[in-house]
mmCIF file of all heavy atoms, coordinates in Angstrom:
data_MODEL
# 
_entry.id   MODEL 
# 
loop_
_atom_site.group_PDB 
_atom_site.id 
_atom_site.type_symbol 
_atom_site.label_atom_id 
_atom_site.label_alt_id 
_atom_site.label_comp_id 
_atom_site.label_asym_id 
_atom_site.label_entity_id 
_atom_site.label_seq_id 
_atom_site.pdbx_PDB_ins_code 
_atom_site.Cartn_x 
_atom_site.Cartn_y 
_atom_site.Cartn_z 
_atom_site.occupancy 
_atom_site.B_iso_or_equiv 
_atom_site.pdbx_formal_charge 
_atom_site.auth_seq_id 
_atom_site.auth_comp_id 
_atom_site.auth_asym_id 
_atom_site.auth_atom_id 
_atom_site.pdbx_PDB_model_num 
ATOM 1   N N   . PRO A 1 1  ? -34.196 54.483 53.020 1.00 0.00 ? 1  PRO A N   1 
ATOM 2   C CA  . PRO A 1 1  ? -33.967 53.547 54.156 1.00 0.00 ? 1  PRO A CA  1 
ATOM 3   C C   . PRO A 1 1  ? -32.499 53.153 54.269 1.00 0.00 ? 1  PRO A C   1 
ATOM 4   O O   . PRO A 1 1  ? -31.737 53.192 53.278 1.00 0.00 ? 1  PRO A O   1 
ATOM 5   C CB  . PRO A 1 1  ? -34.815 52.311 53.748 1.00 0.00 ? 1  PRO A CB  1 
ATOM 6   C CG  . PRO A 1 1  ? -35.744 52.789 52.729 1.00 0.00 ? 1  PRO A CG  1 
ATOM 7   C CD  . PRO A 1 1  ? -35.053 53.905 51.992 1.00 0.00 ? 1  PRO A CD  1 
ATOM 8   N N   . SER A 1 2  ? -32.099 52.787 55.462 1.00 0.00 ? 2  SER A N   1 
ATOM 9   C CA  . SER A 1 2  ? -30.747 52.282 55.637 1.00 0.00 ? 2  SER A CA  1 
ATOM 10  C C   . SER A 1 2  ? -30.621 50.929 54.938 1.00 0.00 ? 2  SER A C   1 
ATOM 11  O O   . SER A 1 2  ? -31.627 50.285 54.597 1.00 0.00 ? 2  SER A O   1 
ATOM 12  C CB  . SER A 1 2  ? -30.441 52.018 57.131 1.00 0.00 ? 2  SER A CB  1 
ATOM 13  O OG  . SER A 1 2  ? -30.592 53.254 57.862 1.00 0.00 ? 2  SER A OG  1 
ATOM 14  N N   . HIS A 1 3  ? -29.382 50.543 54.670 1.00 0.00 ? 3  HIS A N   1 
ATOM 15  C CA  . HIS A 1 3  ? -29.165 49.223 54.034 1.00 0.00 ? 3  HIS A CA  1 
ATOM 16  C C   . HIS A 1 3  ? -29.746 48.138 54.936 1.00 0.00 ? 3  HIS A C   1 
ATOM 17  O O   . HIS A 1 3  ? -29.606 48.193 56.172 1.00 0.00 ? 3  HIS A O   1 
ATOM 18  C CB  . HIS A 1 3  ? -27.690 48.980 53.806 1.00 0.00 ? 3  HIS A CB  1 
ATOM 19  C CG  . HIS A 1 3  ? -27.119 49.833 52.697 1.00 0.00 ? 3  HIS A CG  1 
ATOM 20  N ND1 . HIS A 1 3  ? -27.530 49.717 51.362 1.00 0.00 ? 3  HIS A ND1 1 
ATOM 21  C CD2 . HIS A 1 3  ? -26.167 50.816 52.733 1.00 0.00 ? 3  HIS A CD2 1 
ATOM 22  C CE1 . HIS A 1 3  ? -26.832 50.587 50.643 1.00 0.00 ? 3  HIS A CE1 1 
ATOM 23  N NE2 . HIS A 1 3  ? -26.017 51.280 51.416 1.00 0.00 ? 3  HIS A NE2 1 
ATOM 24  N N   . ARG A 1 4  ? -30.384 47.157 54.318 1.00 0.00 ? 4  ARG A N   1 
ATOM 25  C CA  . ARG A 1 4  ? -30.958 46.041 55.110 1.00 0.00 ? 4  ARG A CA  1 
ATOM 26  C C   . ARG A 1 4  ? -29.876 45.346 55.933 1.00 0.00 ? 4  ARG A C   1 
ATOM 27  O O   . ARG A 1 4  ? -28.761 45.131 55.449 1.00 0.00 ? 4  ARG A O   1 
ATOM 28  C CB  . ARG A 1 4  ? -31.608 45.038 54.169 1.00 0.00 ? 4  ARG A CB  1 
ATOM 29  C CG  . ARG A 1 4  ? -32.933 45.457 53.573 1.00 0.00 ? 4  ARG A CG  1 
ATOM 30  C CD  . ARG A 1 4  ? -34.108 44.949 54.301 1.00 0.00 ? 4  ARG A CD  1 
ATOM 31  N NE  . ARG A 1 4  ? -34.223 43.511 54.377 1.00 0.00 ? 4  ARG A NE  1 
ATOM 32  C CZ  . ARG A 1 4  ? -34.492 42.722 53.339 1.00 0.00 ? 4  ARG A CZ  1 
ATOM 33  N NH1 . ARG A 1 4  ? -34.747 43.231 52.125 1.00 0.00 ? 4  ARG A NH1 1 
ATOM 34  N NH2 . ARG A 1 4  ? -34.552 41.429 53.492 1.00 0.00 ? 4  ARG A NH2 1 
ATOM 35  N N   . LYS A 1 5  ? -30.237 45.059 57.165 1.00 0.00 ? 5  LYS A N   1 
ATOM 36  C CA  . LYS A 1 5  ? -29.355 44.237 58.010 1.00 0.00 ? 5  LYS A CA  1 
ATOM 37  C C   . LYS A 1 5  ? -29.157 42.887 57.337 1.00 0.00 ? 5  LYS A C   1 
ATOM 38  O O   . LYS A 1 5  ? -30.088 42.242 56.883 1.00 0.00 ? 5  LYS A O   1 
ATOM 39  C CB  . LYS A 1 5  ? -30.016 44.053 59.385 1.00 0.00 ? 5  LYS A CB  1 
ATOM 40  C CG  . LYS A 1 5  ? -29.430 42.944 60.229 1.00 0.00 ? 5  LYS A CG  1 
ATOM 41  C CD  . LYS A 1 5  ? -28.088 43.327 60.828 1.00 0.00 ? 5  LYS A CD  1 
ATOM 42  C CE  . LYS A 1 5  ? -27.480 42.120 61.578 1.00 0.00 ? 5  LYS A CE  1 
ATOM 43  N NZ  . LYS A 1 5  ? -28.244 41.686 62.726 1.00 0.00 ? 5  LYS A NZ  1 
ATOM 44  N N   . ALA A 1 6  ? -27.888 42.448 57.268 1.00 0.00 ? 6  ALA A N   1 
ATOM 45  C CA  . ALA A 1 6  ? -27.565 41.150 56.641 1.00 0.00 ? 6  ALA A CA  1 
ATOM 46  C C   . ALA A 1 6  ? -28.109 40.039 57.507 1.00 0.00 ? 6  ALA A C   1 
ATOM 47  O O   . ALA A 1 6  ? -27.760 39.918 58.681 1.00 0.00 ? 6  ALA A O   1 
ATOM 48  C CB  . ALA A 1 6  ? -26.068 41.003 56.469 1.00 0.00 ? 6  ALA A CB  1 
ATOM 49  N N   . THR A 1 7  ? -28.980 39.212 56.955 1.00 0.00 ? 7  THR A N   1 
ATOM 50  C CA  . THR A 1 7  ? -29.526 38.042 57.646 1.00 0.00 ? 7  THR A CA  1 
ATOM 51  C C   . THR A 1 7  ? -29.385 36.836 56.760 1.00 0.00 ? 7  THR A C   1 
ATOM 52  O O   . THR A 1 7  ? -29.116 36.932 55.550 1.00 0.00 ? 7  THR A O   1 
ATOM 53  C CB  . THR A 1 7  ? -31.042 38.253 57.976 1.00 0.00 ? 7  THR A CB  1 
ATOM 54  O OG1 . THR A 1 7  ? -31.750 38.499 56.759 1.00 0.00 ? 7  THR A OG1 1 
ATOM 55  C CG2 . THR A 1 7  ? -31.239 39.416 58.925 1.00 0.00 ? 7  THR A CG2 1 
ATOM 56  N N   . ARG A 1 8  ? -29.573 35.656 57.364 1.00 0.00 ? 8  ARG A N   1 
ATOM 57  C CA  . ARG A 1 8  ? -29.489 34.419 56.617 1.00 0.00 ? 8  ARG A CA  1 
ATOM 58  C C   . ARG A 1 8  ? -30.739 34.248 55.760 1.00 0.00 ? 8  ARG A C   1 
ATOM 59  O O   . ARG A 1 8  ? -31.823 34.523 56.214 1.00 0.00 ? 8  ARG A O   1 
ATOM 60  C CB  . ARG A 1 8  ? -29.323 33.240 57.559 1.00 0.00 ? 8  ARG A CB  1 
ATOM 61  C CG  . ARG A 1 8  ? -27.996 33.273 58.327 1.00 0.00 ? 8  ARG A CG  1 
ATOM 62  C CD  . ARG A 1 8  ? -27.930 32.180 59.351 1.00 0.00 ? 8  ARG A CD  1 
ATOM 63  N NE  . ARG A 1 8  ? -26.679 32.264 60.083 1.00 0.00 ? 8  ARG A NE  1 
ATOM 64  C CZ  . ARG A 1 8  ? -25.549 31.637 59.757 1.00 0.00 ? 8  ARG A CZ  1 
ATOM 65  N NH1 . ARG A 1 8  ? -25.527 30.840 58.683 1.00 0.00 ? 8  ARG A NH1 1 
ATOM 66  N NH2 . ARG A 1 8  ? -24.450 31.786 60.471 1.00 0.00 ? 8  ARG A NH2 1 
ATOM 67  N N   . GLN A 1 9  ? -30.540 33.820 54.513 1.00 0.00 ? 9  GLN A N   1 
ATOM 68  C CA  . GLN A 1 9  ? -31.701 33.655 53.631 1.00 0.00 ? 9  GLN A CA  1 
ATOM 69  C C   . GLN A 1 9  ? -32.356 32.303 53.837 1.00 0.00 ? 9  GLN A C   1 
ATOM 70  O O   . GLN A 1 9  ? -31.682 31.274 53.930 1.00 0.00 ? 9  GLN A O   1 
ATOM 71  C CB  . GLN A 1 9  ? -31.261 33.812 52.184 1.00 0.00 ? 9  GLN A CB  1 
ATOM 72  C CG  . GLN A 1 9  ? -32.423 33.946 51.212 1.00 0.00 ? 9  GLN A CG  1 
ATOM 73  C CD  . GLN A 1 9  ? -31.992 34.473 49.853 1.00 0.00 ? 9  GLN A CD  1 
ATOM 74  O OE1 . GLN A 1 9  ? -31.722 33.705 48.945 1.00 0.00 ? 9  GLN A OE1 1 
ATOM 75  N NE2 . GLN A 1 9  ? -31.894 35.776 49.733 1.00 0.00 ? 9  GLN A NE2 1 
ATOM 76  N N   . VAL A 1 10 ? -33.680 32.325 53.908 1.00 0.00 ? 10 VAL A N   1 
ATOM 77  C CA  . VAL A 1 10 ? -34.470 31.133 54.152 1.00 0.00 ? 10 VAL A CA  1 
ATOM 78  C C   . VAL A 1 10 ? -35.422 30.900 52.950 1.00 0.00 ? 10 VAL A C   1 
ATOM 79  O O   . VAL A 1 10 ? -36.095 31.829 52.514 1.00 0.00 ? 10 VAL A O   1 
ATOM 80  C CB  . VAL A 1 10 ? -35.324 31.319 55.443 1.00 0.00 ? 10 VAL A CB  1 
ATOM 81  C CG1 . VAL A 1 10 ? -36.162 30.038 55.730 1.00 0.00 ? 10 VAL A CG1 1 
ATOM 82  C CG2 . VAL A 1 10 ? -34.446 31.648 56.614 1.00 0.00 ? 10 VAL A CG2 1 
ATOM 83  N N   . ALA A 1 11 ? -35.419 29.681 52.457 1.00 0.00 ? 11 ALA A N   1 
ATOM 84  C CA  . ALA A 1 11 ? -36.333 29.315 51.363 1.00 0.00 ? 11 ALA A CA  1 
ATOM 85  C C   . ALA A 1 11 ? -37.618 28.741 51.963 1.00 0.00 ? 11 ALA A C   1 
ATOM 86  O O   . ALA A 1 11 ? -37.582 27.750 52.711 1.00 0.00 ? 11 ALA A O   1 
ATOM 87  C CB  . ALA A 1 11 ? -35.682 28.276 50.444 1.00 0.00 ? 11 ALA A CB  1 
ATOM 88  N N   . ILE A 1 12 ? -38.730 29.397 51.662 1.00 0.00 ? 12 ILE A N   1 
ATOM 89  C CA  . ILE A 1 12 ? -40.051 28.945 52.134 1.00 0.00 ? 12 ILE A CA  1 
ATOM 90  C C   . ILE A 1 12 ? -40.865 28.586 50.857 1.00 0.00 ? 12 ILE A C   1 
ATOM 91  O O   . ILE A 1 12 ? -41.401 29.496 50.204 1.00 0.00 ? 12 ILE A O   1 
ATOM 92  C CB  . ILE A 1 12 ? -40.734 30.026 52.974 1.00 0.00 ? 12 ILE A CB  1 
ATOM 93  C CG1 . ILE A 1 12 ? -39.851 30.446 54.147 1.00 0.00 ? 12 ILE A CG1 1 
ATOM 94  C CG2 . ILE A 1 12 ? -42.101 29.501 53.478 1.00 0.00 ? 12 ILE A CG2 1 
ATOM 95  C CD1 . ILE A 1 12 ? -40.366 31.638 54.908 1.00 0.00 ? 12 ILE A CD1 1 
ATOM 96  N N   . GLY A 1 13 ? -40.935 27.313 50.565 1.00 0.00 ? 13 GLY A N   1 
ATOM 97  C CA  . GLY A 1 13 ? -41.501 26.955 49.272 1.00 0.00 ? 13 GLY A CA  1 
ATOM 98  C C   . GLY A 1 13 ? -40.633 27.582 48.201 1.00 0.00 ? 13 GLY A C   1 
ATOM 99  O O   . GLY A 1 13 ? -39.432 27.444 48.210 1.00 0.00 ? 13 GLY A O   1 
ATOM 100 N N   . GLY A 1 14 ? -41.238 28.311 47.306 1.00 0.00 ? 14 GLY A N   1 
ATOM 101 C CA  . GLY A 1 14 ? -40.481 29.002 46.256 1.00 0.00 ? 14 GLY A CA  1 
ATOM 102 C C   . GLY A 1 14 ? -40.154 30.444 46.563 1.00 0.00 ? 14 GLY A C   1 
ATOM 103 O O   . GLY A 1 14 ? -39.677 31.177 45.709 1.00 0.00 ? 14 GLY A O   1 
ATOM 104 N N   . VAL A 1 15 ? -40.399 30.845 47.810 1.00 0.00 ? 15 VAL A N   1 
ATOM 105 C CA  . VAL A 1 15 ? -40.191 32.239 48.232 1.00 0.00 ? 15 VAL A CA  1 
ATOM 106 C C   . VAL A 1 15 ? -38.952 32.370 49.079 1.00 0.00 ? 15 VAL A C   1 
ATOM 107 O O   . VAL A 1 15 ? -38.774 31.631 50.034 1.00 0.00 ? 15 VAL A O   1 
ATOM 108 C CB  . VAL A 1 15 ? -41.415 32.767 49.009 1.00 0.00 ? 15 VAL A CB  1 
ATOM 109 C CG1 . VAL A 1 15 ? -41.151 34.199 49.465 1.00 0.00 ? 15 VAL A CG1 1 
ATOM 110 C CG2 . VAL A 1 15 ? -42.662 32.734 48.104 1.00 0.00 ? 15 VAL A CG2 1 
ATOM 111 N N   . GLN A 1 16 ? -38.091 33.321 48.740 1.00 0.00 ? 16 GLN A N   1 
ATOM 112 C CA  . GLN A 1 16 ? -36.868 33.563 49.496 1.00 0.00 ? 16 GLN A CA  1 
ATOM 113 C C   . GLN A 1 16 ? -37.143 34.701 50.489 1.00 0.00 ? 16 GLN A C   1 
ATOM 114 O O   . GLN A 1 16 ? -37.657 35.753 50.151 1.00 0.00 ? 16 GLN A O   1 
ATOM 115 C CB  . GLN A 1 16 ? -35.697 33.944 48.593 1.00 0.00 ? 16 GLN A CB  1 
ATOM 116 C CG  . GLN A 1 16 ? -35.322 32.866 47.550 1.00 0.00 ? 16 GLN A CG  1 
ATOM 117 C CD  . GLN A 1 16 ? -34.802 31.606 48.200 1.00 0.00 ? 16 GLN A CD  1 
ATOM 118 O OE1 . GLN A 1 16 ? -34.058 31.637 49.159 1.00 0.00 ? 16 GLN A OE1 1 
ATOM 119 N NE2 . GLN A 1 16 ? -35.246 30.468 47.656 1.00 0.00 ? 16 GLN A NE2 1 
ATOM 120 N N   . VAL A 1 17 ? -36.694 34.486 51.753 1.00 0.00 ? 17 VAL A N   1 
ATOM 121 C CA  . VAL A 1 17 ? -36.881 35.459 52.821 1.00 0.00 ? 17 VAL A CA  1 
ATOM 122 C C   . VAL A 1 17 ? -35.527 35.718 53.455 1.00 0.00 ? 17 VAL A C   1 
ATOM 123 O O   . VAL A 1 17 ? -34.818 34.773 53.821 1.00 0.00 ? 17 VAL A O   1 
ATOM 124 C CB  . VAL A 1 17 ? -37.866 34.950 53.901 1.00 0.00 ? 17 VAL A CB  1 
ATOM 125 C CG1 . VAL A 1 17 ? -37.900 35.869 55.112 1.00 0.00 ? 17 VAL A CG1 1 
ATOM 126 C CG2 . VAL A 1 17 ? -39.262 34.851 53.318 1.00 0.00 ? 17 VAL A CG2 1 
ATOM 127 N N   . GLY A 1 18 ? -35.178 37.006 53.613 1.00 0.00 ? 18 GLY A N   1 
ATOM 128 C CA  . GLY A 1 18 ? -33.919 37.348 54.211 1.00 0.00 ? 18 GLY A CA  1 
ATOM 129 C C   . GLY A 1 18 ? -32.802 37.455 53.194 1.00 0.00 ? 18 GLY A C   1 
ATOM 130 O O   . GLY A 1 18 ? -33.007 37.291 51.994 1.00 0.00 ? 18 GLY A O   1 
ATOM 131 N N   . GLY A 1 19 ? -31.589 37.702 53.677 1.00 0.00 ? 19 GLY A N   1 
ATOM 132 C CA  . GLY A 1 19 ? -30.480 37.884 52.758 1.00 0.00 ? 19 GLY A CA  1 
ATOM 133 C C   . GLY A 1 19 ? -30.703 39.101 51.870 1.00 0.00 ? 19 GLY A C   1 
ATOM 134 O O   . GLY A 1 19 ? -31.076 40.176 52.359 1.00 0.00 ? 19 GLY A O   1 
ATOM 135 N N   . ASP A 1 20 ? -30.496 38.925 50.556 1.00 0.00 ? 20 ASP A N   1 
ATOM 136 C CA  . ASP A 1 20 ? -30.704 40.037 49.627 1.00 0.00 ? 20 ASP A CA  1 
ATOM 137 C C   . ASP A 1 20 ? -32.094 39.956 48.986 1.00 0.00 ? 20 ASP A C   1 
ATOM 138 O O   . ASP A 1 20 ? -32.377 40.724 48.035 1.00 0.00 ? 20 ASP A O   1 
ATOM 139 C CB  . ASP A 1 20 ? -29.632 40.042 48.561 1.00 0.00 ? 20 ASP A CB  1 
ATOM 140 C CG  . ASP A 1 20 ? -29.569 38.737 47.741 1.00 0.00 ? 20 ASP A CG  1 
ATOM 141 O OD1 . ASP A 1 20 ? -30.359 37.840 48.042 1.00 0.00 ? 20 ASP A OD1 1 
ATOM 142 O OD2 . ASP A 1 20 ? -28.729 38.665 46.833 1.00 0.00 ? 20 ASP A OD2 1 
ATOM 143 N N   . ALA A 1 21 ? -32.976 39.109 49.475 1.00 0.00 ? 21 ALA A N   1 
ATOM 144 C CA  . ALA A 1 21 ? -34.335 39.024 48.928 1.00 0.00 ? 21 ALA A CA  1 
ATOM 145 C C   . ALA A 1 21 ? -35.162 40.232 49.372 1.00 0.00 ? 21 ALA A C   1 
ATOM 146 O O   . ALA A 1 21 ? -34.920 40.789 50.458 1.00 0.00 ? 21 ALA A O   1 
ATOM 147 C CB  . ALA A 1 21 ? -35.039 37.746 49.389 1.00 0.00 ? 21 ALA A CB  1 
ATOM 148 N N   . PRO A 1 22 ? -36.114 40.669 48.539 1.00 0.00 ? 22 PRO A N   1 
ATOM 149 C CA  . PRO A 1 22 ? -36.965 41.808 48.988 1.00 0.00 ? 22 PRO A CA  1 
ATOM 150 C C   . PRO A 1 22 ? -37.801 41.415 50.175 1.00 0.00 ? 22 PRO A C   1 
ATOM 151 O O   . PRO A 1 22 ? -38.056 40.256 50.468 1.00 0.00 ? 22 PRO A O   1 
ATOM 152 C CB  . PRO A 1 22 ? -37.835 42.070 47.746 1.00 0.00 ? 22 PRO A CB  1 
ATOM 153 C CG  . PRO A 1 22 ? -37.822 40.806 46.967 1.00 0.00 ? 22 PRO A CG  1 
ATOM 154 C CD  . PRO A 1 22 ? -36.486 40.190 47.219 1.00 0.00 ? 22 PRO A CD  1 
ATOM 155 N N   . VAL A 1 23 ? -38.270 42.450 50.921 1.00 0.00 ? 23 VAL A N   1 
ATOM 156 C CA  . VAL A 1 23 ? -39.164 42.185 52.067 1.00 0.00 ? 23 VAL A CA  1 
ATOM 157 C C   . VAL A 1 23 ? -40.448 41.565 51.565 1.00 0.00 ? 23 VAL A C   1 
ATOM 158 O O   . VAL A 1 23 ? -41.065 42.055 50.596 1.00 0.00 ? 23 VAL A O   1 
ATOM 159 C CB  . VAL A 1 23 ? -39.469 43.534 52.802 1.00 0.00 ? 23 VAL A CB  1 
ATOM 160 C CG1 . VAL A 1 23 ? -40.392 43.253 53.985 1.00 0.00 ? 23 VAL A CG1 1 
ATOM 161 C CG2 . VAL A 1 23 ? -38.178 44.188 53.257 1.00 0.00 ? 23 VAL A CG2 1 
ATOM 162 N N   . VAL A 1 24 ? -40.836 40.484 52.180 1.00 0.00 ? 24 VAL A N   1 
ATOM 163 C CA  . VAL A 1 24 ? -41.956 39.652 51.699 1.00 0.00 ? 24 VAL A CA  1 
ATOM 164 C C   . VAL A 1 24 ? -43.241 39.961 52.512 1.00 0.00 ? 24 VAL A C   1 
ATOM 165 O O   . VAL A 1 24 ? -43.177 40.142 53.731 1.00 0.00 ? 24 VAL A O   1 
ATOM 166 C CB  . VAL A 1 24 ? -41.588 38.156 51.826 1.00 0.00 ? 24 VAL A CB  1 
ATOM 167 C CG1 . VAL A 1 24 ? -42.802 37.259 51.620 1.00 0.00 ? 24 VAL A CG1 1 
ATOM 168 C CG2 . VAL A 1 24 ? -40.469 37.809 50.851 1.00 0.00 ? 24 VAL A CG2 1 
ATOM 169 N N   . VAL A 1 25 ? -44.397 39.956 51.815 1.00 0.00 ? 25 VAL A N   1 
ATOM 170 C CA  . VAL A 1 25 ? -45.675 40.187 52.463 1.00 0.00 ? 25 VAL A CA  1 
ATOM 171 C C   . VAL A 1 25 ? -46.338 38.867 52.780 1.00 0.00 ? 25 VAL A C   1 
ATOM 172 O O   . VAL A 1 25 ? -46.407 38.004 51.915 1.00 0.00 ? 25 VAL A O   1 
ATOM 173 C CB  . VAL A 1 25 ? -46.602 40.985 51.526 1.00 0.00 ? 25 VAL A CB  1 
ATOM 174 C CG1 . VAL A 1 25 ? -48.022 41.046 52.088 1.00 0.00 ? 25 VAL A CG1 1 
ATOM 175 C CG2 . VAL A 1 25 ? -46.053 42.391 51.300 1.00 0.00 ? 25 VAL A CG2 1 
ATOM 176 N N   . GLN A 1 26 ? -46.767 38.723 54.043 1.00 0.00 ? 26 GLN A N   1 
ATOM 177 C CA  . GLN A 1 26 ? -47.525 37.531 54.374 1.00 0.00 ? 26 GLN A CA  1 
ATOM 178 C C   . GLN A 1 26 ? -48.822 37.889 55.092 1.00 0.00 ? 26 GLN A C   1 
ATOM 179 O O   . GLN A 1 26 ? -49.001 39.031 55.539 1.00 0.00 ? 26 GLN A O   1 
ATOM 180 C CB  . GLN A 1 26 ? -46.700 36.557 55.172 1.00 0.00 ? 26 GLN A CB  1 
ATOM 181 C CG  . GLN A 1 26 ? -46.251 36.945 56.541 1.00 0.00 ? 26 GLN A CG  1 
ATOM 182 C CD  . GLN A 1 26 ? -45.544 35.757 57.243 1.00 0.00 ? 26 GLN A CD  1 
ATOM 183 O OE1 . GLN A 1 26 ? -46.183 34.899 57.829 1.00 0.00 ? 26 GLN A OE1 1 
ATOM 184 N NE2 . GLN A 1 26 ? -44.229 35.764 57.110 1.00 0.00 ? 26 GLN A NE2 1 
ATOM 185 N N   . SER A 1 27 ? -49.698 36.909 55.172 1.00 0.00 ? 27 SER A N   1 
ATOM 186 C CA  . SER A 1 27 ? -51.011 37.118 55.775 1.00 0.00 ? 27 SER A CA  1 
ATOM 187 C C   . SER A 1 27 ? -51.442 35.855 56.472 1.00 0.00 ? 27 SER A C   1 
ATOM 188 O O   . SER A 1 27 ? -50.728 34.851 56.435 1.00 0.00 ? 27 SER A O   1 
ATOM 189 C CB  . SER A 1 27 ? -52.025 37.491 54.680 1.00 0.00 ? 27 SER A CB  1 
ATOM 190 O OG  . SER A 1 27 ? -52.136 36.452 53.702 1.00 0.00 ? 27 SER A OG  1 
ATOM 191 N N   . MET A 1 28 ? -52.655 35.896 57.084 1.00 0.00 ? 28 MET A N   1 
ATOM 192 C CA  . MET A 1 28 ? -53.158 34.694 57.765 1.00 0.00 ? 28 MET A CA  1 
ATOM 193 C C   . MET A 1 28 ? -54.647 34.610 57.576 1.00 0.00 ? 28 MET A C   1 
ATOM 194 O O   . MET A 1 28 ? -55.369 35.611 57.587 1.00 0.00 ? 28 MET A O   1 
ATOM 195 C CB  . MET A 1 28 ? -52.836 34.753 59.264 1.00 0.00 ? 28 MET A CB  1 
ATOM 196 C CG  . MET A 1 28 ? -53.185 33.491 60.043 1.00 0.00 ? 28 MET A CG  1 
ATOM 197 S SD  . MET A 1 28 ? -52.609 33.491 61.712 1.00 0.00 ? 28 MET A SD  1 
ATOM 198 C CE  . MET A 1 28 ? -53.123 31.848 62.231 1.00 0.00 ? 28 MET A CE  1 
ATOM 199 N N   . THR A 1 29 ? -55.120 33.381 57.415 1.00 0.00 ? 29 THR A N   1 
ATOM 200 C CA  . THR A 1 29 ? -56.580 33.154 57.269 1.00 0.00 ? 29 THR A CA  1 
ATOM 201 C C   . THR A 1 29 ? -57.256 33.263 58.625 1.00 0.00 ? 29 THR A C   1 
ATOM 202 O O   . THR A 1 29 ? -56.619 33.148 59.676 1.00 0.00 ? 29 THR A O   1 
ATOM 203 C CB  . THR A 1 29 ? -56.838 31.750 56.683 1.00 0.00 ? 29 THR A CB  1 
ATOM 204 O OG1 . THR A 1 29 ? -56.291 30.771 57.565 1.00 0.00 ? 29 THR A OG1 1 
ATOM 205 C CG2 . THR A 1 29 ? -56.206 31.610 55.306 1.00 0.00 ? 29 THR A CG2 1 
# 
């Protein structure tokens, strides 16, 4: 894959999203 596009990192609870964090899996009830 190409290098991830640089984005601002967001803290969601204890999970980091964006920036240099890995791609995060989410779901919905």
